[in-house]
Protein backbone atom coordinates (compact mmCIF):
# COMPACT_ATOMS: atom_id res chain seq x y z
CA UNK A 1 80.23 58.19 61.89
CA UNK A 2 78.85 61.47 63.24
CA UNK A 3 79.95 60.45 66.75
CA UNK A 4 83.51 59.95 65.55
CA UNK A 5 83.59 63.44 64.05
CA UNK A 6 82.21 65.01 67.23
CA UNK A 7 84.67 63.06 69.37
CA UNK A 8 87.52 64.12 67.10
CA UNK A 9 86.52 67.79 67.28
CA UNK A 10 86.40 67.99 71.09
CA UNK A 11 90.16 67.66 71.63
CA UNK A 12 90.84 70.18 68.88
CA UNK A 13 88.49 72.72 70.43
CA UNK A 14 89.95 72.14 73.89
CA UNK A 15 93.49 72.74 72.71
CA UNK A 16 92.35 76.08 71.34
CA UNK A 17 91.18 77.06 74.83
CA UNK A 18 94.46 76.19 76.49
CA UNK A 19 96.40 78.26 73.98
CA UNK A 20 94.44 81.35 75.06
CA UNK A 21 95.39 80.97 78.72
CA UNK A 22 98.50 82.88 79.78
CA UNK A 23 101.57 80.86 80.57
CA UNK A 24 103.08 80.75 84.04
CA UNK A 25 105.80 83.12 82.86
CA UNK A 26 103.22 85.58 81.50
CA UNK A 27 101.22 85.44 84.75
CA UNK A 28 104.38 86.04 86.78
CA UNK A 29 105.35 89.00 84.59
CA UNK A 30 101.84 90.48 84.90
CA UNK A 31 101.97 90.08 88.70
CA UNK A 32 105.38 91.76 88.81
CA UNK A 33 104.16 94.59 86.58
CA UNK A 34 101.15 95.14 88.84
CA UNK A 35 103.37 95.17 91.92
CA UNK A 36 105.75 97.65 90.28
CA UNK A 37 102.85 99.92 89.40
CA UNK A 38 101.48 99.75 92.96
CA UNK A 39 104.91 100.40 94.49
CA UNK A 40 105.30 103.41 92.20
CA UNK A 41 101.93 104.81 93.30
CA UNK A 42 102.84 104.25 96.94
CA UNK A 43 106.14 106.03 96.47
CA UNK A 44 104.45 108.95 94.74
CA UNK A 45 101.80 109.38 97.44
CA UNK A 46 104.38 109.02 100.20
CA UNK A 47 106.27 111.80 98.45
CA UNK A 48 103.15 113.94 98.70
CA UNK A 49 103.28 113.42 102.48
CA UNK A 50 106.88 114.61 102.47
CA UNK A 51 105.93 117.61 100.37
CA UNK A 52 103.34 119.05 102.73
CA UNK A 53 103.50 122.82 102.60
CA UNK A 54 104.92 124.61 105.67
CA UNK A 55 101.74 126.70 105.66
CA UNK A 56 99.43 123.68 105.55
CA UNK A 57 97.14 122.48 108.30
CA UNK A 58 99.81 120.06 109.47
CA UNK A 59 98.44 116.97 111.13
CA UNK A 60 94.99 117.19 109.55
CA UNK A 61 96.35 117.46 106.03
CA UNK A 62 98.76 114.59 106.66
CA UNK A 63 95.91 112.43 107.91
CA UNK A 64 93.97 113.14 104.71
CA UNK A 65 96.98 112.29 102.55
CA UNK A 66 97.59 109.19 104.66
CA UNK A 67 94.33 107.74 103.32
CA UNK A 68 95.78 107.72 99.81
CA UNK A 69 98.94 106.07 101.09
CA UNK A 70 96.87 103.49 103.01
CA UNK A 71 95.02 102.60 99.81
CA UNK A 72 98.32 102.22 97.95
CA UNK A 73 99.73 100.05 100.75
CA UNK A 74 96.70 97.75 100.52
CA UNK A 75 97.24 97.41 96.78
CA UNK A 76 100.94 96.62 97.30
CA UNK A 77 100.06 93.97 99.87
CA UNK A 78 97.58 92.32 97.52
CA UNK A 79 99.74 92.46 94.42
CA UNK A 80 102.80 91.17 96.31
CA UNK A 81 101.02 87.87 96.95
CA UNK A 82 101.65 86.88 93.34
CA UNK A 83 105.36 87.75 93.38
CA UNK A 84 107.84 85.53 95.22
CA UNK A 85 110.72 88.00 95.46
CA UNK A 86 108.58 90.99 96.41
CA UNK A 87 110.25 91.79 99.76
CA UNK A 88 107.30 93.97 100.76
CA UNK A 89 107.38 93.14 104.47
CA UNK A 90 109.85 95.99 105.03
CA UNK A 91 107.54 98.31 103.08
CA UNK A 92 104.64 97.34 105.32
CA UNK A 93 106.70 97.84 108.48
CA UNK A 94 107.94 101.25 107.31
CA UNK A 95 104.39 102.25 106.40
CA UNK A 96 103.24 101.33 109.92
CA UNK A 97 105.95 103.61 111.33
CA UNK A 98 104.72 106.50 109.16
CA UNK A 99 101.16 105.97 110.40
CA UNK A 100 102.33 105.97 114.03
CA UNK A 101 104.37 109.13 113.48
CA UNK A 102 101.35 110.91 111.97
CA UNK A 103 99.08 109.73 114.76
CA UNK A 104 101.59 110.97 117.35
CA UNK A 105 101.71 114.51 115.95
CA UNK A 106 100.35 117.16 118.32
CA UNK A 107 97.04 118.70 117.26
CA UNK A 108 98.42 122.16 116.65
CA UNK A 109 101.45 121.09 114.61
CA UNK A 110 102.08 123.27 111.59
CA UNK A 111 102.88 121.79 108.21
CA UNK A 112 106.58 122.51 108.72
CA UNK A 113 106.63 120.88 112.15
CA UNK A 114 104.66 117.87 110.96
CA UNK A 115 106.86 117.38 107.92
CA UNK A 116 110.02 117.59 110.02
CA UNK A 117 108.74 115.10 112.61
CA UNK A 118 107.74 112.43 110.09
CA UNK A 119 110.72 112.87 107.75
CA UNK A 120 112.76 109.93 109.17
CA UNK A 121 109.83 107.54 108.81
CA UNK A 122 109.11 108.73 105.26
CA UNK A 123 112.76 108.28 104.32
CA UNK A 124 112.67 104.74 105.73
CA UNK A 125 109.51 104.03 103.72
CA UNK A 126 111.14 105.36 100.57
CA UNK A 127 114.20 103.14 101.09
CA UNK A 128 111.97 100.10 101.69
CA UNK A 129 109.99 100.80 98.52
CA UNK A 130 113.21 101.24 96.52
CA UNK A 131 114.55 97.93 97.88
CA UNK A 132 111.34 96.13 96.97
CA UNK A 133 111.38 97.65 93.49
CA UNK A 134 114.98 96.52 93.05
CA UNK A 135 114.20 92.99 94.26
CA UNK A 136 111.65 92.48 91.50
CA UNK A 137 113.53 94.58 88.94
CA UNK A 138 110.91 97.29 88.39
């Protein structure tokens, strides 16, 4: 009799565990939310690159700020894996162009010169981020 009670309790306790697990829809929403948050951080830090002061150290300051953007880009890449409609390939390509533009700056470039030279790449990155945000309805 005790065996029957134990056997009857196992399925009941297992159904309680499955109810705690998030549904596929909840997991997809959480992945989309994470991607949206990461895209927002990337956009904000890319904006900091665009806002470099004309009196700044130019290339050196941009390289320091680029580290923050690189971290954000890594987060976007990871979080996009869980979202089918992420369209983050264009974001990655635009980010690569920003990195190349910063690396190609002459050593003595002022903040104003550096900002002007990387502006087209930053604008392309911003458009790519906006498109990715729109694709997943951030």
